[in-house]
Protein backbone atom coordinates (compact mmCIF):
# COMPACT_ATOMS: atom_id res chain seq x y z
CA MET A 1 -114.34 21.30 80.71
CA LEU A 2 -112.76 21.99 84.24
CA TRP A 3 -112.76 18.57 85.39
CA CYS A 4 -110.91 17.42 82.00
CA PHE A 5 -108.55 20.25 82.90
CA LEU A 6 -107.96 18.87 86.29
CA ALA A 7 -107.51 15.45 85.15
CA VAL A 8 -105.01 16.15 82.53
CA LEU A 9 -103.37 18.24 84.97
CA ILE A 10 -103.08 15.40 87.37
CA VAL A 11 -101.96 13.07 85.09
CA LEU A 12 -99.05 15.62 83.90
CA ILE A 13 -98.01 15.99 87.54
CA ALA A 14 -98.25 12.38 88.07
CA SER A 15 -96.08 11.65 85.16
CA CYS A 16 -93.43 14.26 86.20
CA VAL A 17 -93.21 12.89 89.61
CA CYS A 18 -92.83 9.52 88.37
CA PHE A 19 -90.22 10.46 85.96
CA PHE A 20 -88.37 12.54 88.81
CA TYR A 21 -88.56 9.37 91.04
CA ILE A 22 -87.12 7.20 88.00
CA LEU A 23 -84.05 9.62 87.54
CA ARG A 24 -83.47 9.92 91.33
CA ARG A 25 -83.56 6.16 91.97
CA ARG A 26 -80.85 5.45 88.96
CA SER A 27 -79.07 8.83 89.96
CA MET A 28 -79.56 10.05 86.52
CA ASP A 29 -80.60 13.36 87.95
CA ARG A 30 -76.83 13.94 88.32
CA TRP A 31 -76.00 13.94 84.65
CA ILE A 32 -79.07 14.15 82.43
CA VAL A 33 -79.01 17.78 82.09
CA PRO A 34 -75.42 17.93 80.76
CA TYR A 35 -76.27 15.11 78.49
CA LEU A 36 -79.53 16.78 77.09
CA MET A 37 -77.54 19.85 76.69
CA HIS A 38 -74.73 17.98 74.38
CA VAL A 39 -77.47 16.17 72.29
CA GLY A 40 -75.74 18.13 69.20
CA LYS A 41 -72.21 16.28 69.86
CA ARG A 42 -73.66 12.95 69.79
CA ARG A 43 -74.49 11.45 66.38
CA TRP A 44 -74.21 7.92 64.80
CA ARG A 45 -71.12 7.01 62.88
CA ARG A 46 -71.47 6.89 59.19
CA PHE A 47 -70.53 4.22 56.68
CA GLY A 48 -66.80 5.32 55.40
CA GLU A 49 -66.48 7.97 58.01
CA PRO A 50 -62.87 8.25 58.96
CA THR A 51 -62.80 6.18 62.18
CA HIS A 52 -59.74 5.16 64.33
CA LEU A 53 -61.43 2.90 67.47
CA LEU A 54 -59.34 3.10 70.33
CA LEU A 55 -60.40 0.22 72.33
CA CYS A 56 -59.42 0.09 76.08
CA ILE A 57 -60.73 -2.64 78.58
CA ALA A 58 -60.31 -1.45 82.33
CA ASP A 59 -60.60 -4.44 84.69
CA HIS A 60 -61.25 -3.78 88.05
CA TYR A 61 -59.32 -7.43 88.32
CA GLU A 62 -60.09 -8.77 91.81
CA PRO A 63 -59.43 -12.56 92.31
CA CYS A 64 -60.61 -12.08 96.01
CA LEU A 65 -64.31 -10.70 94.97
CA GLY A 66 -66.64 -12.33 97.21
CA LYS A 67 -64.25 -13.39 99.59
CA PRO A 68 -63.86 -16.84 98.06
CA GLY A 69 -61.33 -19.47 99.51
CA THR A 70 -57.55 -19.25 98.53
CA GLU A 71 -57.87 -22.03 95.85
CA VAL A 72 -60.56 -20.58 94.29
CA ALA A 73 -59.10 -17.09 93.85
CA GLN A 74 -55.73 -18.47 92.69
CA ALA A 75 -57.69 -20.52 90.03
CA ARG A 76 -59.32 -17.26 88.87
CA ALA A 77 -56.15 -15.81 88.23
CA ASN A 78 -54.60 -18.85 86.73
CA ARG A 79 -57.47 -19.14 84.29
CA TRP A 80 -56.90 -15.96 82.90
CA LEU A 81 -52.84 -16.86 82.30
CA LYS A 82 -53.95 -19.81 80.69
CA GLU A 83 -57.20 -19.14 78.40
CA TYR A 84 -56.56 -15.69 77.44
CA PRO A 85 -53.86 -16.48 74.77
CA GLU A 86 -55.64 -19.57 73.93
CA ARG A 87 -58.89 -17.95 73.44
CA LEU A 88 -58.22 -14.33 72.25
CA GLY A 89 -54.44 -14.85 70.98
CA ARG A 90 -55.67 -15.39 67.46
CA PHE A 91 -57.11 -11.94 67.08
CA ARG A 92 -55.39 -8.90 65.49
CA ASP A 93 -56.04 -5.38 65.29
CA SER A 94 -55.41 -2.98 62.31
CA ASP A 95 -51.77 -2.84 63.61
CA GLY A 96 -51.40 -6.39 63.93
CA ARG A 97 -51.73 -6.51 67.74
CA PRO A 98 -53.80 -9.00 69.90
CA PRO A 99 -56.54 -7.98 72.29
CA ARG A 100 -54.97 -6.11 75.39
CA HIS A 101 -56.23 -6.04 78.97
CA THR A 102 -55.43 -3.41 81.83
CA PHE A 103 -55.55 -5.16 84.97
CA PHE A 104 -56.35 -2.84 87.66
CA TYR A 105 -55.38 -4.91 90.69
CA PRO A 106 -56.46 -4.07 94.07
CA ILE A 107 -53.79 -2.88 96.64
CA GLU A 108 -55.58 -3.93 99.59
CA GLU A 109 -56.09 -7.49 98.33
CA TYR A 110 -52.44 -7.97 97.46
CA VAL A 111 -51.58 -11.71 96.81
CA PRO A 112 -48.30 -12.39 95.15
CA ALA A 113 -49.26 -15.22 93.47
CA HIS A 114 -52.16 -13.49 91.88
CA VAL A 115 -49.96 -10.44 90.59
CA ASP A 116 -47.29 -12.96 89.34
CA ALA A 117 -49.75 -14.69 87.08
CA ILE A 118 -51.16 -11.72 85.62
CA ALA A 119 -47.70 -10.18 85.21
CA ARG A 120 -46.62 -13.29 83.04
CA LEU A 121 -49.70 -12.64 80.95
CA CYS A 122 -48.55 -9.40 80.42
CA ARG A 123 -45.05 -9.86 79.47
CA ALA A 124 -46.43 -12.34 76.83
CA GLY A 125 -48.04 -9.23 75.21
CA TYR A 126 -51.32 -9.43 76.28
CA GLY A 127 -51.67 -6.33 78.78
CA GLU A 128 -50.58 -4.33 81.67
CA ILE A 129 -51.26 -3.92 85.30
CA GLU A 130 -52.15 -0.56 86.89
CA VAL A 131 -53.28 0.38 90.49
CA HIS A 132 -57.02 -0.16 92.00
CA LEU A 133 -57.82 0.69 95.43
CA HIS A 134 -60.86 0.30 98.21
CA HIS A 135 -60.38 2.20 101.18
CA ASP A 136 -62.54 3.93 103.71
CA SER A 137 -62.16 6.73 106.30
CA ASP A 138 -58.61 7.30 104.94
CA THR A 139 -56.11 10.35 105.26
CA PRO A 140 -53.98 12.09 102.62
CA GLU A 141 -51.09 11.13 104.45
CA ASN A 142 -51.79 7.43 104.75
CA LEU A 143 -53.26 7.22 101.17
CA ARG A 144 -49.87 8.73 99.93
CA ASN A 145 -47.79 6.04 101.72
CA THR A 146 -50.06 3.32 100.69
CA LEU A 147 -49.71 4.53 97.00
CA VAL A 148 -46.18 4.76 96.97
CA GLU A 149 -45.38 1.63 98.64
CA TYR A 150 -47.53 -0.08 96.32
CA ARG A 151 -46.25 1.68 92.96
CA GLU A 152 -42.66 0.76 94.14
CA LEU A 153 -43.56 -3.05 94.73
CA LEU A 154 -45.16 -3.54 91.60
CA ALA A 155 -42.19 -1.84 89.59
CA ARG A 156 -39.30 -3.49 91.58
CA GLN A 157 -40.91 -7.02 91.96
CA TYR A 158 -42.90 -7.51 88.93
CA GLY A 159 -41.51 -4.97 86.41
CA MET A 160 -44.88 -3.38 86.02
CA LEU A 161 -46.20 0.05 85.64
CA SER A 162 -44.52 2.79 83.37
CA ARG A 163 -42.01 5.48 83.46
CA HIS A 164 -41.64 8.80 81.79
CA LYS A 165 -39.46 8.74 78.78
CA THR A 166 -37.40 11.87 79.85
CA THR A 167 -37.21 11.70 83.46
CA GLY A 168 -37.45 8.03 84.02
CA GLU A 169 -39.97 8.62 87.01
CA LEU A 170 -42.55 5.70 87.92
CA ALA A 171 -46.14 6.30 86.62
CA TYR A 172 -49.37 4.54 87.12
CA GLY A 173 -52.99 4.46 86.10
CA PHE A 174 -55.94 4.54 88.76
CA ILE A 175 -59.15 3.18 89.37
CA HIS A 176 -60.95 4.07 92.72
CA GLY A 177 -63.03 0.95 94.48
CA ASN A 178 -66.74 1.48 95.02
CA TRP A 179 -66.47 4.57 92.24
CA ALA A 180 -65.61 6.80 95.31
CA LEU A 181 -63.06 8.96 93.91
CA ASN A 182 -62.18 12.26 95.59
CA ASN A 183 -64.69 11.36 98.57
CA SER A 184 -67.45 11.58 95.99
CA ARG A 185 -70.17 9.15 97.89
CA PRO A 186 -73.07 11.28 99.56
CA ASP A 187 -72.69 9.51 102.75
CA GLY A 188 -68.73 9.88 102.75
CA ARG A 189 -67.94 6.16 102.70
CA TRP A 190 -65.51 4.26 100.90
CA CYS A 191 -62.63 7.08 100.65
CA GLY A 192 -62.39 10.01 102.99
CA VAL A 193 -59.79 12.16 101.09
CA ASN A 194 -61.35 14.98 99.24
CA ASN A 195 -58.23 15.94 97.49
CA GLU A 196 -57.57 12.43 96.35
CA THR A 197 -56.83 13.41 93.05
CA GLU A 198 -53.98 15.56 94.14
CA VAL A 199 -52.56 12.80 95.99
CA LEU A 200 -52.62 10.57 93.09
CA ARG A 201 -51.13 13.33 90.88
CA ALA A 202 -48.19 13.82 93.37
CA THR A 203 -47.30 10.13 93.81
CA GLY A 204 -47.10 9.50 89.90
CA CYS A 205 -50.56 8.78 88.80
CA TYR A 206 -50.87 9.96 84.89
CA ALA A 207 -54.79 9.48 84.77
CA ASP A 208 -57.84 8.02 86.67
CA PHE A 209 -60.00 5.61 84.73
CA THR A 210 -62.95 5.44 87.25
CA LEU A 211 -65.65 6.76 85.27
CA PRO A 212 -68.40 6.37 84.31
CA SER A 213 -69.81 5.15 87.60
CA ALA A 214 -73.49 5.35 86.70
CA PRO A 215 -76.02 4.29 88.29
CA SER A 216 -74.09 4.99 91.41
CA PRO A 217 -74.43 8.49 93.21
CA THR A 218 -70.87 8.98 92.80
CA GLN A 219 -71.48 9.85 89.07
CA THR A 220 -69.99 13.27 87.91
CA LYS A 221 -72.06 15.84 85.91
CA LYS A 222 -69.27 15.67 83.38
CA ILE A 223 -69.94 12.66 80.99
CA ASN A 224 -68.32 11.50 77.85
CA SER A 225 -65.08 13.50 78.42
CA ILE A 226 -61.30 13.49 78.59
CA TYR A 227 -60.43 16.08 80.86
CA ARG A 228 -58.29 17.71 83.90
CA ALA A 229 -59.79 18.42 87.14
CA CYS A 230 -58.36 19.91 90.27
CA SER A 231 -59.11 19.02 93.92
CA SER A 232 -59.51 20.69 97.17
CA PRO A 233 -59.26 19.61 100.94
CA ASP A 234 -62.35 21.45 101.68
CA ARG A 235 -64.59 20.08 99.18
CA PRO A 236 -65.46 16.42 98.03
CA LYS A 237 -66.16 15.22 94.66
CA CYS A 238 -64.37 18.13 93.09
CA HIS A 239 -63.97 16.40 89.77
CA ASP A 240 -67.58 16.90 89.01
CA ALA A 241 -66.35 19.27 86.49
CA GLY A 242 -63.21 20.19 84.83
CA ILE A 243 -61.34 21.55 81.49
CA ASP A 244 -61.54 19.20 78.44
CA VAL A 245 -58.42 18.25 77.03
CA GLY A 246 -57.55 20.61 74.08
CA ARG A 247 -60.29 23.24 75.14
CA GLY A 248 -57.98 25.34 77.31
CA PRO A 249 -54.97 25.08 79.25
CA ALA A 250 -54.06 22.64 81.82
CA PRO A 251 -54.03 23.71 85.43
CA SER A 252 -50.46 22.95 86.96
CA ASN A 253 -52.23 20.89 89.88
CA SER A 254 -55.01 18.94 87.83
CA LEU A 255 -55.06 15.11 86.99
CA LEU A 256 -56.27 13.66 83.83
CA LEU A 257 -59.54 11.90 83.90
CA ILE A 258 -60.59 9.40 80.85
CA GLN A 259 -64.03 8.65 81.09
CA GLY A 260 -65.88 5.88 79.37
CA PRO A 261 -69.30 6.30 77.32
CA LEU A 262 -72.28 7.05 79.08
CA LEU A 263 -75.43 7.19 76.95
CA LEU A 264 -79.28 6.63 77.00
CA ASN A 265 -80.16 3.47 74.96
CA TRP A 266 -83.64 4.17 73.52
CA GLN A 267 -83.05 0.90 71.34
CA GLN A 268 -83.40 -1.05 74.45
CA ARG A 269 -86.41 0.07 76.62
CA LYS A 270 -87.49 -0.89 79.96
CA PHE A 271 -91.26 -1.51 80.07
CA GLY A 272 -91.26 -0.33 76.34
CA LEU A 273 -90.84 3.34 77.82
CA VAL A 274 -87.84 4.01 79.97
CA PRO A 275 -84.56 3.80 77.93
CA ARG A 276 -81.75 1.75 79.33
CA VAL A 277 -78.78 3.37 80.55
CA GLU A 278 -75.41 2.31 78.33
CA ASN A 279 -72.36 2.67 81.02
CA ALA A 280 -69.65 0.88 79.15
CA CYS A 281 -69.79 -2.11 81.70
CA LEU A 282 -68.86 -5.48 80.34
CA GLN A 283 -70.39 -8.39 82.49
CA ALA A 284 -71.97 -11.83 82.03
CA ASN A 285 -75.64 -10.57 81.13
CA HIS A 286 -74.30 -7.33 79.63
CA PRO A 287 -71.73 -8.52 76.73
CA PRO A 288 -70.24 -6.51 73.94
CA THR A 289 -72.11 -6.59 70.79
CA ALA A 290 -72.26 -4.35 67.60
CA GLU A 291 -75.02 -2.40 68.75
CA ARG A 292 -73.19 -1.32 71.84
CA LEU A 293 -70.28 -0.67 69.71
CA SER A 294 -72.38 1.92 67.75
CA LEU A 295 -73.53 3.42 70.94
CA TRP A 296 -69.91 3.79 72.20
CA LEU A 297 -68.73 5.55 68.87
CA LYS A 298 -71.90 7.67 68.94
CA ALA A 299 -70.58 9.33 72.31
CA ARG A 300 -67.76 10.84 70.43
CA ILE A 301 -65.17 10.98 73.15
CA HIS A 302 -62.52 12.95 71.35
CA VAL A 303 -59.65 15.27 71.54
CA PRO A 304 -60.71 18.11 69.29
CA SER A 305 -57.51 17.78 67.07
CA ARG A 306 -58.07 14.35 66.26
CA PRO A 307 -62.05 13.82 65.71
CA ASP A 308 -61.20 10.82 63.75
CA TRP A 309 -59.98 9.17 67.00
CA PHE A 310 -62.68 7.61 69.18
CA PHE A 311 -61.48 6.88 72.59
CA VAL A 312 -63.67 4.00 74.17
CA LYS A 313 -62.78 2.90 77.72
CA LEU A 314 -64.86 0.01 78.86
CA HIS A 315 -64.81 -1.57 82.31
CA THR A 316 -65.58 -4.94 83.86
CA HIS A 317 -64.97 -7.04 86.88
CA GLY A 318 -63.09 -9.87 84.88
CA ALA A 319 -62.02 -11.97 87.59
CA ASN A 320 -65.02 -13.81 88.82
CA GLU A 321 -66.17 -16.83 86.81
CA GLU A 322 -69.43 -15.38 85.30
CA ASN A 323 -67.64 -12.34 83.86
CA ALA A 324 -64.56 -14.53 82.86
CA ASP A 325 -66.69 -16.95 80.84
CA MET A 326 -67.95 -13.91 78.85
CA ILE A 327 -64.83 -12.05 78.34
CA LEU A 328 -62.85 -15.37 77.60
CA GLY A 329 -65.64 -17.08 75.86
CA GLN A 330 -67.74 -16.72 72.68
CA PRO A 331 -69.44 -13.41 73.49
CA MET A 332 -66.04 -11.39 73.51
CA GLN A 333 -64.71 -13.76 70.66
CA ARG A 334 -67.53 -12.79 68.71
CA PHE A 335 -67.17 -9.14 69.02
CA HIS A 336 -63.41 -9.42 68.19
CA GLN A 337 -64.59 -11.03 65.05
CA HIS A 338 -67.06 -8.27 64.45
CA LEU A 339 -64.30 -5.53 64.46
CA ALA A 340 -62.20 -7.70 62.33
CA ASP A 341 -65.19 -7.78 59.64
CA LEU A 342 -66.03 -4.30 60.24
CA ALA A 343 -62.68 -3.20 59.20
CA HIS A 344 -62.43 -5.31 56.43
CA THR A 345 -65.85 -4.17 54.72
CA ASP A 346 -65.99 -0.60 56.01
CA PRO A 347 -62.93 1.50 54.22
CA GLY A 348 -63.16 4.36 56.93
CA PHE A 349 -62.68 2.12 60.14
CA GLN A 350 -59.69 0.84 61.80
CA PHE A 351 -59.69 -0.45 65.31
CA HIS A 352 -56.61 -0.47 67.88
CA TYR A 353 -56.50 -2.36 71.25
CA VAL A 354 -54.80 -0.36 73.65
CA SER A 355 -53.66 -0.38 77.36
CA ALA A 356 -54.75 2.50 79.72
CA ARG A 357 -51.09 3.47 79.33
CA GLU A 358 -51.18 3.68 75.66
CA MET A 359 -54.53 5.35 75.61
CA TYR A 360 -53.12 8.01 77.86
CA ASN A 361 -50.09 8.34 75.48
CA LEU A 362 -52.80 8.90 72.49
CA VAL A 363 -54.41 11.63 74.46
CA ARG A 364 -51.11 13.29 74.85
CA ALA A 365 -50.02 12.89 71.19
CA ALA A 366 -53.46 14.03 69.91
CA GLU A 367 -53.22 17.09 72.47
CA SER A 368 -49.77 17.80 70.97
CA GLY A 369 -50.89 18.06 67.36
CA TRP A 370 -49.70 14.34 66.36
CA GLN A 371 -50.60 13.55 62.90
CA GLY A 372 -48.68 10.38 62.33
CA PRO A 373 -49.64 6.61 62.74
CA ILE A 374 -51.49 5.54 65.96
CA ALA A 375 -48.87 2.74 66.32
CA GLU A 376 -45.89 5.39 66.59
CA ALA A 377 -47.74 7.17 69.29
CA LEU A 378 -48.30 4.38 71.84
CA ASP A 379 -45.18 5.38 73.61
CA PHE A 380 -45.50 8.97 73.08
CA GLU A 381 -44.86 9.99 76.69
CA LEU A 382 -44.98 6.86 79.05
CA VAL A 383 -43.01 3.74 78.41
CA TRP A 384 -43.80 0.29 79.79
CA ASN A 385 -41.60 -0.70 82.90
CA ALA A 386 -41.02 -4.34 81.58
CA ARG A 387 -39.50 -6.36 78.72
CA ARG A 388 -42.18 -7.71 76.62
CA LEU A 389 -41.96 -11.29 75.11
CA ALA A 390 -43.11 -12.27 71.57
CA TYR A 391 -46.73 -12.88 71.13
């Protein structure tokens, strides 16, 4: 009996060590406990359940990814300008609008011809441009100057970004390169500014769209949330926690963070045992599907006053050829058709293509108790800074 007990104990200990190793290797130890604590929040959507899918694709749009030659980088931008309307322009959401793409273009890789190409696509009604940044060993002062200079450039030269309806002040959305918002990497690389969200807020950033970042160690404990976080010059990764929108008063010095879904996918298991991580990433070997849509909706990222509004923010690196083939090709076309078919057959389901700015506006509208149509709240607080052409 003793030997049997010891054998079972050894197996249990080995299993626990193996399980912990898997968690650490995939940085799941940073968010698995909050995930388990909120198991009651997540449930599958039922047929006929009132559902407004608010779908935002936040693209880390980097034509210079991988340091290709000048001609290759420009061909990437030109491809989007030509093929996006040709291949996706025929689809329409429940409001009659075509798919929309938010191009978070990197400051440090600025090439006028790249921005000109995607700005033309945006003015034709297919998206908007926002701010993306990779930096390292930075300072708050230099970061502030960089953001202000780039913000003014995009607004003045290309008519991009947005403005507050009441004050006319410029505003922008943000994604951090290498996921290292608020100096959140354990090794301190790829940022340098602990109070980055405060600098963002002070320079006109309306919301951050970096997360989720799993399996990166920059992933926060807070998941599947729309929340406000404050920063401190003395503490990195202070957006690890915050106040959910609609759950408490907004601190005056906080920045809104809009996260995409992050879940365990038990329907697809590695080695038949370990669940794969659903982190809302779109890439060539991980296209959007009906099954993934069900998981994104299961995350139930809401504002409490509008439980029928499902905020789904996806992310991609769409400029490189492999991912562009997927986003501009058959996999994404099949997904858009699936959304249309679902809206046709399910009386409770509607879907709305939104930009990052429009998603922010809908968060603010829901927070303010908006009960009107979604289409009338797309410019609730921020209006686009450019004149849009006909689709």
